[in-house]
C-alpha atoms as a PDB file:
ATOM      1  CA  MET A   1    -113.552-117.940  42.117  1.00  0.00           C
ATOM      2  CA  THR A   2    -116.891-119.717  42.377  1.00  0.00           C
ATOM      3  CA  SER A   3    -118.371-120.060  45.863  1.00  0.00           C
ATOM      4  CA  TRP A   4    -119.307-123.551  47.024  1.00  0.00           C
ATOM      5  CA  LYS A   5    -122.701-122.137  48.037  1.00  0.00           C
ATOM      6  CA  ASP A   6    -123.468-121.516  44.353  1.00  0.00           C
ATOM      7  CA  VAL A   7    -122.461-125.039  43.276  1.00  0.00           C
ATOM      8  CA  ILE A   8    -123.299-127.525  46.029  1.00  0.00           C
ATOM      9  CA  ASP A   9    -126.951-128.516  46.364  1.00  0.00           C
ATOM     10  CA  ASN A  10    -126.656-132.112  47.626  1.00  0.00           C
ATOM     11  CA  PRO A  11    -127.526-132.060  51.383  1.00  0.00           C
ATOM     12  CA  ASP A  12    -124.669-134.382  52.417  1.00  0.00           C
ATOM     13  CA  GLU A  13    -122.145-132.460  50.348  1.00  0.00           C
ATOM     14  CA  ARG A  14    -123.421-129.217  51.893  1.00  0.00           C
ATOM     15  CA  LYS A  15    -122.785-130.655  55.378  1.00  0.00           C
ATOM     16  CA  VAL A  16    -119.134-131.232  54.491  1.00  0.00           C
ATOM     17  CA  PHE A  17    -118.737-127.759  53.007  1.00  0.00           C
ATOM     18  CA  GLU A  18    -120.426-126.123  55.986  1.00  0.00           C
ATOM     19  CA  VAL A  19    -117.887-127.796  58.271  1.00  0.00           C
ATOM     20  CA  LEU A  20    -115.001-126.651  56.054  1.00  0.00           C
ATOM     21  CA  ALA A  21    -116.416-123.109  56.022  1.00  0.00           C
ATOM     22  CA  ASP A  22    -116.495-122.852  59.846  1.00  0.00           C
ATOM     23  CA  PRO A  23    -114.340-119.787  60.621  1.00  0.00           C
ATOM     24  CA  LYS A  24    -113.077-121.364  63.857  1.00  0.00           C
ATOM     25  CA  TRP A  25    -110.867-123.727  61.835  1.00  0.00           C
ATOM     26  CA  ASP A  26    -108.377-123.188  59.022  1.00  0.00           C
ATOM     27  CA  PHE A  27    -108.115-126.893  58.168  1.00  0.00           C
ATOM     28  CA  ARG A  28    -110.123-130.002  59.117  1.00  0.00           C
ATOM     29  CA  THR A  29    -109.317-133.703  59.269  1.00  0.00           C
ATOM     30  CA  ILE A  30    -111.785-136.268  57.990  1.00  0.00           C
ATOM     31  CA  ASP A  31    -112.453-137.266  61.617  1.00  0.00           C
ATOM     32  CA  GLY A  32    -113.193-133.633  62.496  1.00  0.00           C
ATOM     33  CA  ILE A  33    -115.609-133.334  59.595  1.00  0.00           C
ATOM     34  CA  ARG A  34    -117.289-136.603  60.637  1.00  0.00           C
ATOM     35  CA  LYS A  35    -117.805-135.431  64.222  1.00  0.00           C
ATOM     36  CA  VAL A  36    -119.711-132.360  63.061  1.00  0.00           C
ATOM     37  CA  SER A  37    -121.464-133.650  59.941  1.00  0.00           C
ATOM     38  CA  GLY A  38    -122.386-137.136  61.165  1.00  0.00           C
ATOM     39  CA  LEU A  39    -121.411-138.600  57.789  1.00  0.00           C
ATOM     40  CA  PRO A  40    -119.230-141.715  57.504  1.00  0.00           C
ATOM     41  CA  ASN A  41    -115.525-141.217  56.731  1.00  0.00           C
ATOM     42  CA  ASP A  42    -115.706-142.951  53.339  1.00  0.00           C
ATOM     43  CA  GLU A  43    -118.512-140.657  52.169  1.00  0.00           C
ATOM     44  CA  ILE A  44    -116.622-137.580  53.380  1.00  0.00           C
ATOM     45  CA  LEU A  45    -113.476-138.676  51.561  1.00  0.00           C
ATOM     46  CA  SER A  46    -115.493-139.285  48.392  1.00  0.00           C
ATOM     47  CA  ILE A  47    -116.962-135.774  48.581  1.00  0.00           C
ATOM     48  CA  LEU A  48    -113.556-134.193  49.269  1.00  0.00           C
ATOM     49  CA  ASN A  49    -111.985-136.070  46.358  1.00  0.00           C
ATOM     50  CA  LYS A  50    -114.852-135.071  44.054  1.00  0.00           C
ATOM     51  CA  TYR A  51    -114.216-131.362  44.637  1.00  0.00           C
ATOM     52  CA  GLU A  52    -110.470-131.365  45.322  1.00  0.00           C
ATOM     53  CA  GLY A  53    -108.722-128.924  43.063  1.00  0.00           C
ATOM     54  CA  ASN A  54    -111.622-126.615  42.330  1.00  0.00           C
ATOM     55  CA  LEU A  55    -113.484-126.083  45.643  1.00  0.00           C
ATOM     56  CA  VAL A  56    -111.473-128.106  48.177  1.00  0.00           C
ATOM     57  CA  ARG A  57    -107.755-128.229  48.827  1.00  0.00           C
ATOM     58  CA  LYS A  58    -105.758-130.853  50.702  1.00  0.00           C
ATOM     59  CA  SER A  59    -102.837-129.374  52.602  1.00  0.00           C
ATOM     60  CA  ASP A  60     -99.299-130.269  51.573  1.00  0.00           C
ATOM     61  CA  ILE A  61     -98.454-130.336  55.276  1.00  0.00           C
ATOM     62  CA  PRO A  62    -100.079-133.133  57.288  1.00  0.00           C
ATOM     63  CA  GLY A  63    -102.155-132.254  60.315  1.00  0.00           C
ATOM     64  CA  PRO A  64    -102.246-133.810  63.776  1.00  0.00           C
ATOM     65  CA  GLN A  65    -100.864-137.335  63.934  1.00  0.00           C
ATOM     66  CA  GLY A  66     -99.865-137.040  60.272  1.00  0.00           C
ATOM     67  CA  LYS A  67    -103.464-137.054  59.049  1.00  0.00           C
ATOM     68  CA  ASP A  68    -104.518-135.343  55.833  1.00  0.00           C
ATOM     69  CA  ILE A  69    -106.193-131.999  56.402  1.00  0.00           C
ATOM     70  CA  TYR A  70    -108.558-130.134  54.102  1.00  0.00           C
ATOM     71  CA  THR A  71    -109.858-126.622  53.599  1.00  0.00           C
ATOM     72  CA  LEU A  72    -111.930-124.648  51.142  1.00  0.00           C
ATOM     73  CA  LYS A  73    -109.896-123.466  48.205  1.00  0.00           C
ATOM     74  CA  THR A  74    -109.366-119.749  48.742  1.00  0.00           C
ATOM     75  CA  ASP A  75    -106.475-117.334  48.461  1.00  0.00           C
ATOM     76  CA  LYS A  76    -106.588-116.861  52.255  1.00  0.00           C
ATOM     77  CA  ALA A  77    -106.112-120.590  52.908  1.00  0.00           C
ATOM     78  CA  GLU A  78    -103.175-120.770  50.504  1.00  0.00           C
ATOM     79  CA  THR A  79    -101.507-117.822  52.265  1.00  0.00           C
ATOM     80  CA  GLN A  80    -102.039-119.441  55.676  1.00  0.00           C
ATOM     81  CA  GLU A  81    -100.483-122.677  54.462  1.00  0.00           C
ATOM     82  CA  LEU A  82     -97.516-120.831  52.985  1.00  0.00           C
ATOM     83  CA  LEU A  83     -96.930-119.174  56.361  1.00  0.00           C
ATOM     84  CA  ALA A  84     -97.149-122.562  58.104  1.00  0.00           C
ATOM     85  CA  LYS A  85     -94.530-123.961  55.715  1.00  0.00           C
ATOM     86  CA  LEU A  86     -92.301-120.969  56.393  1.00  0.00           C
ATOM     87  CA  ARG A  87     -92.633-121.445  60.178  1.00  0.00           C
ATOM     88  CA  THR A  88     -91.767-125.130  59.811  1.00  0.00           C
ATOM     89  CA  PHE A  89     -88.737-124.333  57.680  1.00  0.00           C
ATOM     90  CA  ILE A  90     -87.494-121.676  60.099  1.00  0.00           C
ATOM     91  CA  SER A  91     -87.970-123.886  63.143  1.00  0.00           C
ATOM     92  CA  LYS A  92     -85.928-126.676  61.528  1.00  0.00           C
ATOM     93  CA  THR A  93     -83.068-124.391  60.422  1.00  0.00           C
ATOM     94  CA  VAL A  94     -82.737-122.443  63.682  1.00  0.00           C
ATOM     95  CA  ARG A  95     -82.037-125.448  65.914  1.00  0.00           C
END
């Protein structure tokens, strides 16, 4: 898989990818990306949409307050999301 560092050279796009690459977070909302990058939400969404599918992945499970959440496309992120889906399924069936 190609690393975003090898592909992204636009400074604003790099800001978004640097936020997504922060190891403190598995997924980020657009608002979270904006707070760190300083870019407007519409520009962030445009960048995310441009690279969704090859370098960026939107979670199937919404984040806080039902907002879309995004991460870098990696095998690790897909495994983490699968585990989150499993936890959600288990919590709903155990009640």
